Amino acid sequence: MRQILLGLVTIFAIILPGTSHAQVTAKDIQVAARVLNFTATPFTGTVKLGIVYDPAIAASAADEQALAGILGSGLAVGSVTLVPVLVPIAKLASTPVDVLFLTSGLGAAAAAVGTQAASAKTLCITTDISATQAGNCAVSVQSDPKVVITVNKAAASASGVSFASAFLMMVTEI
């Protein structure tokens, strides 16, 4: 009986992380782009969106591929055009961008992104709520089943990012 329970626990540990990851969508990117309009100094024009990923982590690599496909050579949303810049996590500090987009699944490696965002005074956005909860990214967005935006006040402050008060009334702050 104990071996059966141990086997079931192992199976769930393998299966659940894979099923909990929902790949980034075009709607997620549109919501993220709209967030840029609500910073204290709104973004306009061409915005270099640094897609931070680790090619050795399947969820991160899948997000990178999805984002590259969605953004193409540039995606216009409102007053900004998001131009993707692929940023392997190993080259994070040496790749200048306007905004960081943290792919999911990086776990503890995401701390380096939070450090870089604070150092470079760069906004970090993700669809990985756990990265925002851990303070590694200032904003997380979710568009399905409904739009949910979460702002980590400490991470945003460390990155030198502030938001319009009307925006903060519409989001969850942690």
N, C-alpha and C. Protein backbone atom coordinates (compact mmCIF):
# COMPACT_ATOMS: atom_id res chain seq x y z
N MET A 1 0.83 -1.20 0.00
CA MET A 1 0.00 0.00 0.00
C MET A 1 0.88 1.27 0.00
N ARG A 2 1.93 1.23 0.79
CA ARG A 2 2.82 2.38 0.88
C ARG A 2 3.49 2.66 -0.47
N GLN A 3 3.87 1.59 -1.18
CA GLN A 3 4.50 1.76 -2.49
C GLN A 3 3.52 2.34 -3.50
N ILE A 4 2.26 1.97 -3.40
CA ILE A 4 1.23 2.52 -4.31
C ILE A 4 1.06 4.01 -4.05
N LEU A 5 0.97 4.38 -2.78
CA LEU A 5 0.83 5.80 -2.44
C LEU A 5 2.05 6.60 -2.90
N LEU A 6 3.23 6.05 -2.68
CA LEU A 6 4.45 6.72 -3.12
C LEU A 6 4.46 6.88 -4.64
N GLY A 7 4.02 5.84 -5.34
CA GLY A 7 3.92 5.91 -6.80
C GLY A 7 2.95 6.97 -7.26
N LEU A 8 1.78 7.07 -6.61
CA LEU A 8 0.79 8.09 -6.97
C LEU A 8 1.32 9.50 -6.72
N VAL A 9 1.98 9.68 -5.59
CA VAL A 9 2.56 10.99 -5.28
C VAL A 9 3.59 11.36 -6.34
N THR A 10 4.41 10.43 -6.75
CA THR A 10 5.42 10.68 -7.78
C THR A 10 4.77 11.05 -9.10
N ILE A 11 3.74 10.33 -9.48
CA ILE A 11 3.03 10.63 -10.74
C ILE A 11 2.44 12.03 -10.70
N PHE A 12 1.78 12.38 -9.59
CA PHE A 12 1.19 13.71 -9.50
C PHE A 12 2.26 14.80 -9.50
N ALA A 13 3.40 14.53 -8.88
CA ALA A 13 4.48 15.52 -8.87
C ALA A 13 5.01 15.77 -10.27
N ILE A 14 4.97 14.73 -11.10
CA ILE A 14 5.44 14.88 -12.47
C ILE A 14 4.39 15.54 -13.35
N ILE A 15 3.15 15.11 -13.21
CA ILE A 15 2.07 15.57 -14.09
C ILE A 15 1.60 16.98 -13.76
N LEU A 16 1.38 17.28 -12.52
CA LEU A 16 0.77 18.56 -12.14
C LEU A 16 1.57 19.78 -12.57
N PRO A 17 2.89 19.84 -12.40
CA PRO A 17 3.60 21.04 -12.87
C PRO A 17 3.40 21.29 -14.35
N GLY A 18 3.37 20.24 -15.16
CA GLY A 18 3.17 20.40 -16.59
C GLY A 18 1.78 20.89 -16.94
N THR A 19 0.78 20.47 -16.18
CA THR A 19 -0.57 20.88 -16.50
C THR A 19 -0.91 22.24 -15.93
N SER A 20 -0.15 22.70 -14.94
CA SER A 20 -0.46 24.00 -14.35
C SER A 20 0.08 25.15 -15.19
N HIS A 21 0.97 24.85 -16.11
CA HIS A 21 1.55 25.89 -16.96
C HIS A 21 0.67 26.11 -18.18
N ALA A 22 0.10 27.28 -18.26
CA ALA A 22 -0.66 27.64 -19.46
C ALA A 22 0.24 28.52 -20.31
N GLN A 23 0.42 28.13 -21.54
CA GLN A 23 1.32 28.88 -22.42
C GLN A 23 0.80 30.31 -22.62
N VAL A 24 1.72 31.24 -22.72
CA VAL A 24 1.39 32.65 -22.92
C VAL A 24 0.59 32.79 -24.22
N THR A 25 -0.41 33.69 -24.19
CA THR A 25 -1.29 33.88 -25.34
C THR A 25 -1.19 35.31 -25.87
N ALA A 26 -1.75 35.52 -27.06
CA ALA A 26 -1.79 36.86 -27.65
C ALA A 26 -2.57 37.82 -26.75
N LYS A 27 -3.62 37.33 -26.12
CA LYS A 27 -4.40 38.19 -25.23
C LYS A 27 -3.57 38.61 -24.01
N ASP A 28 -2.74 37.68 -23.50
CA ASP A 28 -1.84 38.04 -22.39
C ASP A 28 -0.92 39.19 -22.79
N ILE A 29 -0.39 39.11 -24.01
CA ILE A 29 0.52 40.14 -24.50
C ILE A 29 -0.21 41.47 -24.67
N GLN A 30 -1.44 41.43 -25.14
CA GLN A 30 -2.21 42.67 -25.27
C GLN A 30 -2.45 43.31 -23.91
N VAL A 31 -2.76 42.49 -22.91
CA VAL A 31 -2.96 43.02 -21.55
C VAL A 31 -1.64 43.60 -21.03
N ALA A 32 -0.54 42.88 -21.24
CA ALA A 32 0.77 43.38 -20.79
C ALA A 32 1.11 44.71 -21.46
N ALA A 33 0.82 44.82 -22.74
CA ALA A 33 1.09 46.07 -23.46
C ALA A 33 0.25 47.21 -22.90
N ARG A 34 -0.98 46.94 -22.53
CA ARG A 34 -1.83 47.99 -21.95
C ARG A 34 -1.30 48.47 -20.60
N VAL A 35 -0.66 47.56 -19.85
CA VAL A 35 -0.05 47.95 -18.57
C VAL A 35 0.96 49.07 -18.78
N LEU A 36 1.67 49.02 -19.90
CA LEU A 36 2.69 50.04 -20.19
C LEU A 36 2.10 51.44 -20.31
N ASN A 37 0.81 51.52 -20.64
CA ASN A 37 0.14 52.82 -20.73
C ASN A 37 -0.18 53.42 -19.37
N PHE A 38 -0.09 52.60 -18.31
CA PHE A 38 -0.49 53.05 -16.98
C PHE A 38 0.69 53.30 -16.05
N THR A 39 1.91 53.29 -16.58
CA THR A 39 3.04 53.66 -15.74
C THR A 39 3.00 55.17 -15.56
N ALA A 40 3.69 55.67 -14.54
CA ALA A 40 3.68 57.11 -14.26
C ALA A 40 4.12 57.90 -15.49
N THR A 41 5.10 57.36 -16.22
CA THR A 41 5.50 57.93 -17.51
C THR A 41 5.15 56.87 -18.55
N PRO A 42 3.99 56.99 -19.19
CA PRO A 42 3.54 55.94 -20.11
C PRO A 42 4.52 55.72 -21.27
N PHE A 43 4.65 54.46 -21.63
CA PHE A 43 5.48 54.10 -22.79
C PHE A 43 4.74 54.47 -24.06
N THR A 44 5.48 54.89 -25.08
CA THR A 44 4.91 55.15 -26.40
C THR A 44 5.94 54.74 -27.44
N GLY A 45 5.47 54.56 -28.66
CA GLY A 45 6.38 54.24 -29.76
C GLY A 45 6.91 52.81 -29.67
N THR A 46 8.12 52.62 -30.16
CA THR A 46 8.74 51.30 -30.19
C THR A 46 9.30 50.96 -28.81
N VAL A 47 8.92 49.80 -28.32
CA VAL A 47 9.37 49.32 -27.01
C VAL A 47 10.06 47.98 -27.22
N LYS A 48 11.36 47.94 -26.86
CA LYS A 48 12.11 46.68 -26.96
C LYS A 48 11.72 45.80 -25.77
N LEU A 49 11.00 44.71 -26.08
CA LEU A 49 10.51 43.78 -25.06
C LEU A 49 11.50 42.62 -24.95
N GLY A 50 12.25 42.59 -23.87
CA GLY A 50 13.24 41.53 -23.66
C GLY A 50 12.56 40.27 -23.14
N ILE A 51 12.51 39.25 -23.96
CA ILE A 51 11.90 37.97 -23.58
C ILE A 51 12.98 37.15 -22.89
N VAL A 52 12.91 37.08 -21.56
CA VAL A 52 13.92 36.40 -20.77
C VAL A 52 13.51 34.93 -20.63
N TYR A 53 14.41 34.04 -21.07
CA TYR A 53 14.09 32.61 -21.05
C TYR A 53 15.34 31.79 -20.80
N ASP A 54 15.12 30.54 -20.45
CA ASP A 54 16.20 29.59 -20.31
C ASP A 54 15.92 28.44 -21.26
N PRO A 55 16.74 28.27 -22.29
CA PRO A 55 16.47 27.22 -23.27
C PRO A 55 16.50 25.81 -22.68
N ALA A 56 17.08 25.63 -21.50
CA ALA A 56 17.16 24.32 -20.86
C ALA A 56 15.90 23.97 -20.07
N ILE A 57 14.99 24.93 -19.90
CA ILE A 57 13.76 24.69 -19.15
C ILE A 57 12.59 24.68 -20.13
N ALA A 58 11.89 23.56 -20.21
CA ALA A 58 10.85 23.37 -21.23
C ALA A 58 9.76 24.44 -21.19
N ALA A 59 9.24 24.77 -20.02
CA ALA A 59 8.17 25.78 -19.94
C ALA A 59 8.66 27.14 -20.40
N SER A 60 9.87 27.49 -20.02
CA SER A 60 10.45 28.77 -20.41
C SER A 60 10.68 28.83 -21.92
N ALA A 61 11.24 27.77 -22.47
CA ALA A 61 11.48 27.71 -23.92
C ALA A 61 10.17 27.74 -24.70
N ALA A 62 9.13 27.09 -24.18
CA ALA A 62 7.82 27.11 -24.84
C ALA A 62 7.24 28.51 -24.84
N ASP A 63 7.36 29.22 -23.72
CA ASP A 63 6.89 30.61 -23.66
C ASP A 63 7.66 31.49 -24.64
N GLU A 64 8.98 31.30 -24.70
CA GLU A 64 9.81 32.09 -25.62
C GLU A 64 9.34 31.87 -27.06
N GLN A 65 9.10 30.62 -27.43
CA GLN A 65 8.64 30.31 -28.79
C GLN A 65 7.27 30.93 -29.06
N ALA A 66 6.37 30.82 -28.09
CA ALA A 66 5.03 31.39 -28.26
C ALA A 66 5.10 32.91 -28.40
N LEU A 67 5.89 33.55 -27.55
CA LEU A 67 6.03 35.01 -27.61
C LEU A 67 6.64 35.46 -28.93
N ALA A 68 7.67 34.76 -29.37
CA ALA A 68 8.31 35.12 -30.64
C ALA A 68 7.30 35.01 -31.78
N GLY A 69 6.46 33.97 -31.74
CA GLY A 69 5.44 33.80 -32.77
C GLY A 69 4.38 34.88 -32.72
N ILE A 70 3.94 35.24 -31.53
CA ILE A 70 2.89 36.26 -31.36
C ILE A 70 3.41 37.63 -31.79
N LEU A 71 4.63 37.97 -31.37
CA LEU A 71 5.17 39.30 -31.62
C LEU A 71 5.73 39.47 -33.03
N GLY A 72 6.19 38.39 -33.65
CA GLY A 72 6.78 38.49 -34.98
C GLY A 72 7.92 39.49 -34.98
N SER A 73 7.90 40.41 -35.94
CA SER A 73 8.93 41.45 -35.98
C SER A 73 8.49 42.70 -35.22
N GLY A 74 7.29 42.67 -34.68
CA GLY A 74 6.76 43.80 -33.90
C GLY A 74 5.25 43.73 -33.86
N LEU A 75 4.68 44.05 -32.70
CA LEU A 75 3.22 44.00 -32.53
C LEU A 75 2.75 45.35 -31.99
N ALA A 76 1.89 46.01 -32.75
CA ALA A 76 1.33 47.29 -32.32
C ALA A 76 0.11 47.05 -31.43
N VAL A 77 0.15 47.64 -30.24
CA VAL A 77 -0.97 47.58 -29.30
C VAL A 77 -1.12 48.98 -28.72
N GLY A 78 -2.21 49.64 -29.09
CA GLY A 78 -2.41 51.01 -28.61
C GLY A 78 -1.29 51.91 -29.08
N SER A 79 -0.66 52.61 -28.14
CA SER A 79 0.38 53.59 -28.48
C SER A 79 1.78 53.00 -28.52
N VAL A 80 1.91 51.68 -28.34
CA VAL A 80 3.23 51.06 -28.36
C VAL A 80 3.32 49.98 -29.44
N THR A 81 4.53 49.79 -29.91
CA THR A 81 4.84 48.65 -30.78
C THR A 81 5.89 47.83 -30.05
N LEU A 82 5.50 46.62 -29.66
CA LEU A 82 6.40 45.75 -28.94
C LEU A 82 7.30 45.02 -29.94
N VAL A 83 8.59 45.22 -29.81
CA VAL A 83 9.57 44.56 -30.67
C VAL A 83 10.32 43.56 -29.80
N PRO A 84 10.23 42.27 -30.14
CA PRO A 84 10.85 41.26 -29.29
C PRO A 84 12.37 41.25 -29.40
N VAL A 85 13.00 41.07 -28.24
CA VAL A 85 14.45 40.87 -28.16
C VAL A 85 14.62 39.60 -27.31
N LEU A 86 15.12 38.54 -27.92
CA LEU A 86 15.31 37.29 -27.19
C LEU A 86 16.50 37.43 -26.25
N VAL A 87 16.27 37.12 -24.96
CA VAL A 87 17.30 37.31 -23.94
C VAL A 87 17.48 36.00 -23.17
N PRO A 88 18.44 35.18 -23.58
CA PRO A 88 18.75 34.00 -22.76
C PRO A 88 19.15 34.49 -21.37
N ILE A 89 18.71 33.82 -20.35
CA ILE A 89 18.96 34.30 -18.98
C ILE A 89 20.45 34.49 -18.71
N ALA A 90 21.29 33.73 -19.37
CA ALA A 90 22.74 33.87 -19.19
C ALA A 90 23.26 35.20 -19.74
N LYS A 91 22.50 35.86 -20.61
CA LYS A 91 22.94 37.13 -21.20
C LYS A 91 22.08 38.30 -20.73
N LEU A 92 21.37 38.10 -19.64
CA LEU A 92 20.43 39.10 -19.13
C LEU A 92 21.09 40.46 -18.89
N ALA A 93 22.20 40.49 -18.22
CA ALA A 93 22.84 41.76 -17.85
C ALA A 93 23.44 42.49 -19.05
N SER A 94 23.71 41.78 -20.13
CA SER A 94 24.38 42.41 -21.27
C SER A 94 23.44 42.72 -22.43
N THR A 95 22.14 42.58 -22.23
CA THR A 95 21.18 42.84 -23.31
C THR A 95 20.27 44.00 -22.92
N PRO A 96 20.48 45.18 -23.49
CA PRO A 96 19.65 46.33 -23.13
C PRO A 96 18.25 46.25 -23.77
N VAL A 97 17.24 46.43 -22.93
CA VAL A 97 15.84 46.43 -23.39
C VAL A 97 15.07 47.50 -22.62
N ASP A 98 13.86 47.79 -23.08
CA ASP A 98 13.01 48.78 -22.40
C ASP A 98 12.16 48.15 -21.31
N VAL A 99 11.70 46.91 -21.56
CA VAL A 99 10.84 46.18 -20.63
C VAL A 99 11.28 44.72 -20.68
N LEU A 100 11.25 44.05 -19.52
CA LEU A 100 11.55 42.62 -19.47
C LEU A 100 10.24 41.83 -19.44
N PHE A 101 10.18 40.74 -20.19
CA PHE A 101 9.06 39.80 -20.09
C PHE A 101 9.65 38.48 -19.64
N LEU A 102 9.34 38.10 -18.42
CA LEU A 102 9.87 36.90 -17.81
C LEU A 102 9.01 35.70 -18.20
N THR A 103 9.63 34.71 -18.84
CA THR A 103 8.90 33.49 -19.18
C THR A 103 8.67 32.68 -17.92
N SER A 104 7.74 31.74 -17.99
CA SER A 104 7.43 30.95 -16.81
C SER A 104 8.36 29.76 -16.67
N GLY A 105 8.35 29.19 -15.47
CA GLY A 105 9.11 27.99 -15.22
C GLY A 105 10.55 28.19 -14.79
N LEU A 106 10.99 29.42 -14.58
CA LEU A 106 12.39 29.65 -14.25
C LEU A 106 12.71 29.37 -12.78
N GLY A 107 11.69 29.32 -11.95
CA GLY A 107 11.93 29.01 -10.54
C GLY A 107 12.91 29.97 -9.90
N ALA A 108 13.89 29.42 -9.19
CA ALA A 108 14.87 30.23 -8.45
C ALA A 108 15.72 31.11 -9.37
N ALA A 109 15.89 30.70 -10.63
CA ALA A 109 16.67 31.51 -11.58
C ALA A 109 16.02 32.86 -11.86
N ALA A 110 14.73 32.96 -11.59
CA ALA A 110 14.02 34.23 -11.83
C ALA A 110 14.52 35.33 -10.90
N ALA A 111 15.16 34.98 -9.81
CA ALA A 111 15.69 36.00 -8.90
C ALA A 111 16.69 36.91 -9.61
N ALA A 112 17.44 36.35 -10.56
CA ALA A 112 18.40 37.16 -11.32
C ALA A 112 17.68 38.21 -12.15
N VAL A 113 16.49 37.90 -12.60
CA VAL A 113 15.71 38.86 -13.38
C VAL A 113 15.25 40.01 -12.49
N GLY A 114 14.80 39.68 -11.29
CA GLY A 114 14.40 40.71 -10.35
C GLY A 114 15.56 41.63 -10.00
N THR A 115 16.73 41.06 -9.81
CA THR A 115 17.93 41.84 -9.51
C THR A 115 18.28 42.75 -10.69
N GLN A 116 18.23 42.22 -11.90
CA GLN A 116 18.55 43.01 -13.09
C GLN A 116 17.52 44.12 -13.30
N ALA A 117 16.24 43.80 -13.10
CA ALA A 117 15.19 44.81 -13.27
C ALA A 117 15.42 45.97 -12.29
N ALA A 118 15.77 45.66 -11.06
CA ALA A 118 16.03 46.70 -10.07
C ALA A 118 17.28 47.50 -10.43
N SER A 119 18.33 46.82 -10.83
CA SER A 119 19.58 47.48 -11.18
C SER A 119 19.43 48.40 -12.39
N ALA A 120 18.72 47.92 -13.41
CA ALA A 120 18.57 48.69 -14.65
C ALA A 120 17.34 49.61 -14.63
N LYS A 121 16.58 49.57 -13.52
CA LYS A 121 15.34 50.36 -13.41
C LYS A 121 14.42 50.06 -14.60
N THR A 122 14.16 48.76 -14.78
CA THR A 122 13.37 48.26 -15.90
C THR A 122 12.15 47.51 -15.39
N LEU A 123 11.01 47.80 -15.96
CA LEU A 123 9.78 47.10 -15.62
C LEU A 123 9.86 45.65 -16.07
N CYS A 124 9.44 44.73 -15.21
CA CYS A 124 9.37 43.31 -15.54
C CYS A 124 7.90 42.88 -15.48
N ILE A 125 7.46 42.21 -16.55
CA ILE A 125 6.09 41.68 -16.65
C ILE A 125 6.20 40.19 -16.92
N THR A 126 5.24 39.42 -16.43
CA THR A 126 5.22 37.98 -16.63
C THR A 126 3.79 37.47 -16.59
N THR A 127 3.61 36.24 -17.02
CA THR A 127 2.33 35.54 -16.81
C THR A 127 2.47 34.55 -15.67
N ASP A 128 3.65 34.49 -15.07
CA ASP A 128 3.94 33.56 -13.98
C ASP A 128 3.72 34.27 -12.64
N ILE A 129 2.52 34.10 -12.07
CA ILE A 129 2.16 34.78 -10.83
C ILE A 129 3.15 34.45 -9.71
N SER A 130 3.72 33.25 -9.70
CA SER A 130 4.65 32.89 -8.64
C SER A 130 5.90 33.77 -8.67
N ALA A 131 6.33 34.20 -9.86
CA ALA A 131 7.49 35.09 -9.97
C ALA A 131 7.16 36.47 -9.39
N THR A 132 5.94 36.92 -9.57
CA THR A 132 5.53 38.21 -9.00
C THR A 132 5.37 38.09 -7.50
N GLN A 133 4.79 36.99 -7.05
CA GLN A 133 4.63 36.77 -5.61
C GLN A 133 5.98 36.71 -4.90
N ALA A 134 6.98 36.16 -5.58
CA ALA A 134 8.33 36.05 -5.00
C ALA A 134 9.11 37.35 -5.10
N GLY A 135 8.57 38.36 -5.79
CA GLY A 135 9.25 39.64 -5.93
C GLY A 135 10.27 39.68 -7.05
N ASN A 136 10.24 38.69 -7.93
CA ASN A 136 11.18 38.64 -9.04
C ASN A 136 10.71 39.39 -10.28
N CYS A 137 9.47 39.79 -10.28
CA CYS A 137 8.90 40.53 -11.40
C CYS A 137 7.81 41.44 -10.82
N ALA A 138 7.74 42.66 -11.29
CA ALA A 138 6.81 43.64 -10.72
C ALA A 138 5.35 43.37 -11.05
N VAL A 139 5.08 42.84 -12.24
CA VAL A 139 3.69 42.70 -12.69
C VAL A 139 3.46 41.32 -13.30
N SER A 140 2.34 40.72 -12.95
CA SER A 140 1.92 39.51 -13.66
C SER A 140 0.55 39.79 -14.26
N VAL A 141 0.35 39.21 -15.44
CA VAL A 141 -0.94 39.35 -16.12
C VAL A 141 -1.49 37.96 -16.43
N GLN A 142 -2.79 37.88 -16.37
CA GLN A 142 -3.52 36.67 -16.73
C GLN A 142 -4.74 37.14 -17.50
N SER A 143 -5.03 36.51 -18.63
CA SER A 143 -6.17 36.96 -19.42
C SER A 143 -7.29 35.93 -19.50
N ASP A 144 -7.06 34.73 -18.98
CA ASP A 144 -8.07 33.69 -19.09
C ASP A 144 -8.24 33.00 -17.75
N PRO A 145 -9.40 32.85 -17.23
CA PRO A 145 -10.71 33.09 -17.84
C PRO A 145 -11.15 34.55 -17.78
N LYS A 146 -10.47 35.34 -16.93
CA LYS A 146 -10.74 36.78 -16.91
C LYS A 146 -9.42 37.49 -16.72
N VAL A 147 -9.39 38.78 -16.99
CA VAL A 147 -8.16 39.55 -16.85
C VAL A 147 -7.89 39.80 -15.37
N VAL A 148 -6.68 39.40 -14.96
CA VAL A 148 -6.22 39.64 -13.60
C VAL A 148 -4.79 40.18 -13.71
N ILE A 149 -4.58 41.34 -13.11
CA ILE A 149 -3.26 41.95 -13.09
C ILE A 149 -2.83 42.07 -11.63
N THR A 150 -1.63 41.57 -11.34
CA THR A 150 -1.10 41.63 -9.99
C THR A 150 0.19 42.45 -10.01
N VAL A 151 0.30 43.38 -9.08
CA VAL A 151 1.49 44.23 -8.97
C VAL A 151 2.16 43.97 -7.62
N ASN A 152 3.44 43.65 -7.67
CA ASN A 152 4.23 43.52 -6.46
C ASN A 152 4.81 44.91 -6.17
N LYS A 153 4.29 45.55 -5.12
CA LYS A 153 4.69 46.93 -4.82
C LYS A 153 6.19 47.05 -4.57
N ALA A 154 6.76 46.12 -3.83
CA ALA A 154 8.19 46.19 -3.51
C ALA A 154 9.04 46.03 -4.77
N ALA A 155 8.69 45.08 -5.64
CA ALA A 155 9.46 44.86 -6.87
C ALA A 155 9.33 46.06 -7.80
N ALA A 156 8.13 46.63 -7.89
CA ALA A 156 7.93 47.81 -8.74
C ALA A 156 8.76 48.98 -8.22
N SER A 157 8.73 49.19 -6.92
CA SER A 157 9.50 50.28 -6.32
C SER A 157 11.00 50.08 -6.53
N ALA A 158 11.48 48.86 -6.33
CA ALA A 158 12.90 48.57 -6.52
C ALA A 158 13.33 48.82 -7.97
N SER A 159 12.41 48.63 -8.90
CA SER A 159 12.69 48.84 -10.32
C SER A 159 12.47 50.29 -10.75
N GLY A 160 12.05 51.13 -9.81
CA GLY A 160 11.81 52.53 -10.13
C GLY A 160 10.55 52.74 -10.95
N VAL A 161 9.62 51.81 -10.85
CA VAL A 161 8.39 51.88 -11.64
C VAL A 161 7.23 52.25 -10.72
N SER A 162 6.46 53.23 -11.17
CA SER A 162 5.23 53.56 -10.44
C SER A 162 4.09 53.64 -11.45
N PHE A 163 2.90 53.48 -10.94
CA PHE A 163 1.72 53.40 -11.79
C PHE A 163 0.71 54.48 -11.43
N ALA A 164 -0.11 54.83 -12.40
CA ALA A 164 -1.19 55.79 -12.18
C ALA A 164 -2.13 55.25 -11.11
N SER A 165 -2.62 56.11 -10.25
CA SER A 165 -3.49 55.67 -9.16
C SER A 165 -4.77 55.01 -9.68
N ALA A 166 -5.30 55.47 -10.82
CA ALA A 166 -6.50 54.84 -11.39
C ALA A 166 -6.22 53.39 -11.76
N PHE A 167 -5.02 53.11 -12.23
CA PHE A 167 -4.63 51.73 -12.58
C PHE A 167 -4.56 50.88 -11.33
N LEU A 168 -3.95 51.41 -10.28
CA LEU A 168 -3.79 50.65 -9.05
C LEU A 168 -5.12 50.28 -8.41
N MET A 169 -6.16 51.04 -8.70
CA MET A 169 -7.49 50.71 -8.17
C MET A 169 -8.09 49.50 -8.90
N MET A 170 -7.56 49.17 -10.07
CA MET A 170 -8.12 48.08 -10.88
C MET A 170 -7.33 46.79 -10.75
N VAL A 171 -6.21 46.78 -10.03
CA VAL A 171 -5.35 45.61 -9.95
C VAL A 171 -5.26 45.10 -8.53
N THR A 172 -4.64 43.95 -8.38
CA THR A 172 -4.35 43.40 -7.06
C THR A 172 -2.91 43.76 -6.73
N GLU A 173 -2.72 44.40 -5.58
CA GLU A 173 -1.37 44.74 -5.14
C GLU A 173 -0.96 43.79 -4.02
N ILE A 174 0.28 43.32 -4.11
CA ILE A 174 0.81 42.47 -3.04
C ILE A 174 2.10 43.08 -2.54
